[in-house]
């Protein structure tokens, strides 16, 4: 069981632009002290399901660690993975890059942008 289901992000054959850009930005932010050095590779992905955003109306009680927050109920992703593991989501153009703080969300439930740039 899991709380998050994500899909790997790929690039056209022979291109590695996103991976290189991600590595470059991670390195710069680590050296500037904005990120802690982690001994794991950058995981470029698209989140498909996250139980943090599930609205089931159940709220944690006072004996839980996160009193007042919705209870996260894990789900079995195996049937989804078995049925859709070979699905192609298509391509998209990246129009901007944003920096977000972990755990900060906007009114629509998206990661809150601390700032960003538009790409040409």
N, C-alpha and C. Protein backbone atom coordinates (compact mmCIF):
# COMPACT_ATOMS: atom_id res chain seq x y z
N UNK A 1 0.84 -1.18 0.00
CA UNK A 1 0.00 0.00 0.00
C UNK A 1 0.89 1.24 0.00
N UNK A 2 0.35 2.32 -0.53
CA UNK A 2 1.13 3.55 -0.68
C UNK A 2 0.23 4.77 -0.50
N UNK A 3 0.86 5.92 -0.37
CA UNK A 3 0.14 7.19 -0.31
C UNK A 3 0.34 8.01 -1.58
N UNK A 4 1.36 7.66 -2.37
CA UNK A 4 1.68 8.43 -3.57
C UNK A 4 1.92 7.49 -4.74
N UNK A 5 1.36 7.85 -5.89
CA UNK A 5 1.61 7.13 -7.14
C UNK A 5 2.16 8.16 -8.12
N UNK A 6 3.31 7.86 -8.68
CA UNK A 6 3.91 8.79 -9.63
C UNK A 6 4.38 8.07 -10.87
N UNK A 7 4.61 8.84 -11.91
CA UNK A 7 5.09 8.31 -13.18
C UNK A 7 6.46 8.92 -13.48
N UNK A 8 7.32 8.12 -14.02
CA UNK A 8 8.63 8.60 -14.44
C UNK A 8 8.47 9.56 -15.61
N UNK A 9 9.30 10.59 -15.65
CA UNK A 9 9.30 11.55 -16.75
C UNK A 9 10.44 11.18 -17.68
N UNK A 10 10.13 11.06 -18.95
CA UNK A 10 11.15 10.71 -19.93
C UNK A 10 11.41 11.84 -20.90
N UNK A 11 12.50 11.72 -21.62
CA UNK A 11 12.85 12.69 -22.65
C UNK A 11 13.05 11.95 -23.97
N UNK A 12 12.95 12.68 -25.08
CA UNK A 12 13.20 12.04 -26.38
C UNK A 12 14.57 11.37 -26.41
N UNK A 13 14.66 10.30 -27.17
CA UNK A 13 15.90 9.54 -27.29
C UNK A 13 17.09 10.46 -27.55
N UNK A 14 18.14 10.27 -26.77
CA UNK A 14 19.36 11.04 -26.97
C UNK A 14 19.38 12.38 -26.26
N UNK A 15 18.28 12.78 -25.64
CA UNK A 15 18.25 14.05 -24.91
C UNK A 15 18.27 13.79 -23.42
N UNK A 16 18.92 14.68 -22.70
CA UNK A 16 19.02 14.56 -21.25
C UNK A 16 18.94 15.95 -20.62
N UNK A 17 18.19 16.84 -21.24
CA UNK A 17 18.15 18.24 -20.83
C UNK A 17 17.56 18.41 -19.43
N UNK A 18 16.43 17.78 -19.15
CA UNK A 18 15.79 17.93 -17.84
C UNK A 18 16.68 17.40 -16.72
N UNK A 19 17.26 16.25 -16.95
CA UNK A 19 18.15 15.65 -15.95
C UNK A 19 19.35 16.55 -15.68
N UNK A 20 19.96 17.08 -16.75
CA UNK A 20 21.11 17.96 -16.59
C UNK A 20 20.72 19.26 -15.90
N UNK A 21 19.60 19.85 -16.28
CA UNK A 21 19.14 21.08 -15.66
C UNK A 21 18.83 20.84 -14.18
N UNK A 22 18.15 19.75 -13.88
CA UNK A 22 17.85 19.42 -12.48
C UNK A 22 19.11 19.25 -11.65
N UNK A 23 20.10 18.55 -12.20
CA UNK A 23 21.37 18.37 -11.51
C UNK A 23 22.10 19.69 -11.30
N UNK A 24 22.09 20.54 -12.32
CA UNK A 24 22.74 21.85 -12.24
C UNK A 24 22.10 22.70 -11.14
N UNK A 25 20.76 22.77 -11.14
CA UNK A 25 20.05 23.58 -10.14
C UNK A 25 20.23 23.03 -8.73
N UNK A 26 20.17 21.71 -8.60
CA UNK A 26 20.38 21.08 -7.29
C UNK A 26 21.76 21.42 -6.75
N UNK A 27 22.78 21.31 -7.59
CA UNK A 27 24.15 21.62 -7.19
C UNK A 27 24.27 23.08 -6.74
N UNK A 28 23.71 24.00 -7.51
CA UNK A 28 23.79 25.43 -7.17
C UNK A 28 23.08 25.73 -5.85
N UNK A 29 21.91 25.13 -5.65
CA UNK A 29 21.16 25.37 -4.42
C UNK A 29 21.85 24.75 -3.21
N UNK A 30 22.49 23.59 -3.39
CA UNK A 30 23.24 22.98 -2.29
C UNK A 30 24.42 23.86 -1.91
N UNK A 31 25.17 24.33 -2.90
CA UNK A 31 26.34 25.17 -2.63
C UNK A 31 25.96 26.50 -1.99
N UNK A 32 24.78 27.02 -2.31
CA UNK A 32 24.31 28.29 -1.74
C UNK A 32 23.69 28.09 -0.35
N UNK A 33 23.54 26.83 0.08
CA UNK A 33 22.99 26.55 1.39
C UNK A 33 21.47 26.47 1.46
N UNK A 34 20.81 26.46 0.31
CA UNK A 34 19.34 26.36 0.28
C UNK A 34 18.84 24.92 0.38
N UNK A 35 19.69 23.98 0.04
CA UNK A 35 19.34 22.55 0.09
C UNK A 35 20.39 21.80 0.88
N UNK A 36 19.95 20.77 1.60
CA UNK A 36 20.89 19.87 2.24
C UNK A 36 21.40 18.90 1.19
N UNK A 37 22.67 18.53 1.31
CA UNK A 37 23.26 17.55 0.40
C UNK A 37 22.61 16.20 0.66
N UNK A 38 22.09 15.59 -0.39
CA UNK A 38 21.47 14.28 -0.28
C UNK A 38 22.23 13.28 -1.14
N UNK A 39 22.39 12.10 -0.62
CA UNK A 39 23.10 11.06 -1.36
C UNK A 39 22.13 10.18 -2.13
N UNK A 40 21.28 10.82 -2.91
CA UNK A 40 20.35 10.10 -3.77
C UNK A 40 20.17 10.92 -5.04
N UNK A 41 19.92 10.24 -6.14
CA UNK A 41 19.77 10.97 -7.40
C UNK A 41 18.45 11.74 -7.45
N UNK A 42 18.43 12.78 -8.24
CA UNK A 42 17.22 13.55 -8.48
C UNK A 42 16.20 12.64 -9.17
N UNK A 43 14.95 12.67 -8.71
CA UNK A 43 13.91 11.82 -9.29
C UNK A 43 12.90 12.70 -10.02
N UNK A 44 13.08 12.84 -11.33
CA UNK A 44 12.12 13.59 -12.13
C UNK A 44 10.88 12.73 -12.30
N UNK A 45 9.72 13.28 -11.90
CA UNK A 45 8.49 12.49 -11.93
C UNK A 45 7.27 13.39 -12.03
N UNK A 46 6.15 12.77 -12.32
CA UNK A 46 4.85 13.44 -12.31
C UNK A 46 3.97 12.71 -11.29
N UNK A 47 3.52 13.41 -10.27
CA UNK A 47 2.65 12.80 -9.27
C UNK A 47 1.26 12.62 -9.86
N UNK A 48 0.76 11.39 -9.81
CA UNK A 48 -0.57 11.08 -10.34
C UNK A 48 -1.62 11.05 -9.24
N UNK A 49 -1.28 10.45 -8.10
CA UNK A 49 -2.19 10.38 -6.96
C UNK A 49 -1.38 10.64 -5.69
N UNK A 50 -1.93 11.47 -4.80
CA UNK A 50 -1.32 11.72 -3.51
C UNK A 50 -2.44 11.80 -2.48
N UNK A 51 -2.44 10.88 -1.51
CA UNK A 51 -3.54 10.83 -0.54
C UNK A 51 -3.58 12.05 0.36
N UNK A 52 -2.56 12.87 0.35
CA UNK A 52 -2.58 14.11 1.12
C UNK A 52 -3.72 15.01 0.65
N UNK A 53 -4.09 14.90 -0.61
CA UNK A 53 -5.12 15.75 -1.19
C UNK A 53 -6.49 15.08 -1.24
N UNK A 54 -6.60 13.90 -0.67
CA UNK A 54 -7.88 13.18 -0.63
C UNK A 54 -8.79 13.85 0.40
N UNK A 55 -10.03 14.07 0.04
CA UNK A 55 -10.98 14.69 0.95
C UNK A 55 -12.01 13.65 1.37
N UNK A 56 -11.70 12.98 2.49
CA UNK A 56 -12.62 11.94 2.96
C UNK A 56 -13.38 12.36 4.22
N UNK A 57 -13.12 13.57 4.70
CA UNK A 57 -13.84 14.10 5.85
C UNK A 57 -13.39 13.58 7.20
N UNK A 58 -12.44 12.65 7.25
CA UNK A 58 -11.95 12.10 8.52
C UNK A 58 -10.77 12.94 8.98
N UNK A 59 -10.84 13.40 10.23
CA UNK A 59 -9.79 14.26 10.77
C UNK A 59 -9.10 13.54 11.93
N UNK A 60 -7.78 13.71 12.03
CA UNK A 60 -7.01 13.06 13.08
C UNK A 60 -7.47 13.55 14.46
N UNK A 61 -7.49 12.64 15.43
CA UNK A 61 -7.90 12.99 16.80
C UNK A 61 -6.69 13.47 17.59
N UNK A 62 -6.92 13.84 18.84
CA UNK A 62 -5.85 14.43 19.65
C UNK A 62 -4.74 13.45 20.00
N UNK A 63 -4.94 12.15 19.84
CA UNK A 63 -3.86 11.21 20.15
C UNK A 63 -2.98 10.92 18.93
N UNK A 64 -3.34 11.49 17.78
CA UNK A 64 -2.52 11.34 16.58
C UNK A 64 -1.46 12.43 16.54
N UNK A 65 -0.42 12.18 15.76
CA UNK A 65 0.67 13.15 15.66
C UNK A 65 0.25 14.44 14.97
N UNK A 66 -0.70 14.40 14.08
CA UNK A 66 -1.07 15.58 13.29
C UNK A 66 -2.53 15.94 13.56
N UNK A 67 -2.79 16.35 14.77
CA UNK A 67 -4.16 16.67 15.18
C UNK A 67 -4.78 17.71 14.25
N UNK A 68 -6.01 17.45 13.83
CA UNK A 68 -6.73 18.39 12.99
C UNK A 68 -6.49 18.24 11.50
N UNK A 69 -5.51 17.43 11.10
CA UNK A 69 -5.24 17.21 9.68
C UNK A 69 -6.04 16.00 9.20
N UNK A 70 -6.40 15.97 7.92
CA UNK A 70 -7.11 14.80 7.39
C UNK A 70 -6.27 13.53 7.55
N UNK A 71 -6.93 12.44 7.86
CA UNK A 71 -6.25 11.15 7.98
C UNK A 71 -5.91 10.66 6.58
N UNK A 72 -4.66 10.27 6.39
CA UNK A 72 -4.24 9.74 5.09
C UNK A 72 -4.47 8.24 5.08
N UNK A 73 -5.24 7.79 4.12
CA UNK A 73 -5.54 6.37 3.99
C UNK A 73 -4.78 5.83 2.79
N UNK A 74 -3.86 4.88 3.00
CA UNK A 74 -3.10 4.34 1.87
C UNK A 74 -3.98 3.53 0.94
N UNK A 75 -3.51 3.35 -0.29
CA UNK A 75 -4.26 2.57 -1.27
C UNK A 75 -3.32 1.58 -1.94
N UNK A 76 -3.89 0.55 -2.52
CA UNK A 76 -3.14 -0.47 -3.24
C UNK A 76 -3.00 -0.01 -4.69
N UNK A 77 -1.81 0.34 -5.10
CA UNK A 77 -1.57 0.84 -6.46
C UNK A 77 -1.33 -0.28 -7.47
N UNK A 78 -1.24 -1.52 -7.01
CA UNK A 78 -0.91 -2.63 -7.91
C UNK A 78 -1.88 -2.76 -9.08
N UNK A 79 -3.21 -2.73 -8.87
CA UNK A 79 -4.12 -2.84 -10.02
C UNK A 79 -3.96 -1.69 -11.02
N UNK A 80 -3.72 -0.49 -10.51
CA UNK A 80 -3.52 0.66 -11.40
C UNK A 80 -2.25 0.46 -12.21
N UNK A 81 -1.18 0.06 -11.52
CA UNK A 81 0.09 -0.16 -12.19
C UNK A 81 -0.02 -1.26 -13.24
N UNK A 82 -0.67 -2.36 -12.89
CA UNK A 82 -0.82 -3.47 -13.83
C UNK A 82 -1.60 -3.08 -15.08
N UNK A 83 -2.62 -2.27 -14.93
CA UNK A 83 -3.46 -1.89 -16.06
C UNK A 83 -2.85 -0.78 -16.91
N UNK A 84 -2.14 0.16 -16.27
CA UNK A 84 -1.69 1.35 -17.00
C UNK A 84 -0.17 1.53 -17.06
N UNK A 85 0.60 0.51 -16.74
CA UNK A 85 2.05 0.68 -16.67
C UNK A 85 2.70 1.05 -18.00
N UNK A 86 2.06 0.74 -19.11
CA UNK A 86 2.64 1.06 -20.42
C UNK A 86 2.00 2.27 -21.07
N UNK A 87 1.24 3.04 -20.32
CA UNK A 87 0.55 4.20 -20.91
C UNK A 87 1.55 5.31 -21.26
N UNK A 88 1.30 5.96 -22.37
CA UNK A 88 2.12 7.09 -22.82
C UNK A 88 1.30 8.35 -22.61
N UNK A 89 1.80 9.26 -21.79
CA UNK A 89 1.06 10.48 -21.48
C UNK A 89 1.26 11.58 -22.53
N UNK A 90 2.13 11.35 -23.48
CA UNK A 90 2.36 12.35 -24.52
C UNK A 90 3.51 13.27 -24.16
N UNK A 91 3.56 14.39 -24.83
CA UNK A 91 4.63 15.36 -24.60
C UNK A 91 4.03 16.70 -24.20
N UNK A 92 4.84 17.50 -23.56
CA UNK A 92 4.40 18.85 -23.22
C UNK A 92 5.61 19.78 -23.27
N UNK A 93 5.33 21.03 -23.49
CA UNK A 93 6.36 22.06 -23.51
C UNK A 93 6.44 22.66 -22.12
N UNK A 94 7.63 22.75 -21.59
CA UNK A 94 7.83 23.37 -20.27
C UNK A 94 7.96 24.87 -20.49
N UNK A 95 7.03 25.62 -19.93
CA UNK A 95 6.98 27.06 -20.15
C UNK A 95 7.65 27.86 -19.05
N UNK A 96 7.81 27.25 -17.87
CA UNK A 96 8.44 27.98 -16.77
C UNK A 96 9.02 26.99 -15.77
N UNK A 97 9.91 27.50 -14.94
CA UNK A 97 10.51 26.72 -13.86
C UNK A 97 10.22 27.47 -12.57
N UNK A 98 9.71 26.76 -11.57
CA UNK A 98 9.39 27.38 -10.29
C UNK A 98 10.13 26.67 -9.17
N UNK A 99 10.46 27.42 -8.15
CA UNK A 99 11.06 26.87 -6.94
C UNK A 99 9.98 26.85 -5.87
N UNK A 100 9.77 25.69 -5.27
CA UNK A 100 8.74 25.54 -4.24
C UNK A 100 9.35 25.04 -2.95
N UNK A 101 8.78 25.47 -1.84
CA UNK A 101 9.22 25.02 -0.53
C UNK A 101 8.42 23.76 -0.18
N UNK A 102 9.10 22.73 0.28
CA UNK A 102 8.43 21.48 0.64
C UNK A 102 7.39 21.75 1.73
N UNK A 103 6.18 21.23 1.51
CA UNK A 103 5.13 21.37 2.50
C UNK A 103 4.29 22.62 2.39
N UNK A 104 4.62 23.52 1.46
CA UNK A 104 3.85 24.75 1.27
C UNK A 104 2.93 24.57 0.07
N UNK A 105 1.63 24.85 0.25
CA UNK A 105 0.66 24.68 -0.82
C UNK A 105 -0.17 25.95 -1.00
N UNK A 106 -0.63 26.19 -2.23
CA UNK A 106 -1.49 27.35 -2.48
C UNK A 106 -2.95 26.96 -2.26
N UNK A 107 -3.86 27.90 -2.51
CA UNK A 107 -5.28 27.67 -2.25
C UNK A 107 -5.88 26.57 -3.12
N UNK A 108 -5.20 26.22 -4.23
CA UNK A 108 -5.69 25.15 -5.11
C UNK A 108 -5.04 23.80 -4.80
N UNK A 109 -4.20 23.75 -3.76
CA UNK A 109 -3.56 22.51 -3.37
C UNK A 109 -2.27 22.21 -4.12
N UNK A 110 -1.81 23.16 -4.94
CA UNK A 110 -0.56 22.97 -5.67
C UNK A 110 0.60 23.47 -4.81
N UNK A 111 1.80 23.01 -5.12
CA UNK A 111 2.98 23.50 -4.42
C UNK A 111 3.06 25.01 -4.59
N UNK A 112 3.27 25.72 -3.48
CA UNK A 112 3.37 27.18 -3.51
C UNK A 112 4.70 27.58 -4.15
N UNK A 113 4.64 28.44 -5.15
CA UNK A 113 5.85 28.89 -5.83
C UNK A 113 6.50 30.02 -5.04
N UNK A 114 7.77 29.84 -4.73
CA UNK A 114 8.55 30.89 -4.08
C UNK A 114 9.08 31.87 -5.12
N UNK A 115 9.04 31.47 -6.37
CA UNK A 115 9.51 32.31 -7.47
C UNK A 115 9.78 31.43 -8.67
N UNK A 116 9.90 32.04 -9.81
CA UNK A 116 10.14 31.26 -11.01
C UNK A 116 10.54 32.13 -12.19
N UNK A 117 10.87 31.46 -13.28
CA UNK A 117 11.22 32.16 -14.51
C UNK A 117 10.47 31.52 -15.67
N UNK A 118 10.12 32.34 -16.64
CA UNK A 118 9.51 31.84 -17.87
C UNK A 118 10.63 31.44 -18.82
N UNK A 119 10.41 30.37 -19.54
CA UNK A 119 11.40 29.90 -20.51
C UNK A 119 11.03 30.42 -21.90
N UNK A 120 12.05 30.61 -22.75
CA UNK A 120 11.77 31.12 -24.10
C UNK A 120 11.01 30.11 -24.95
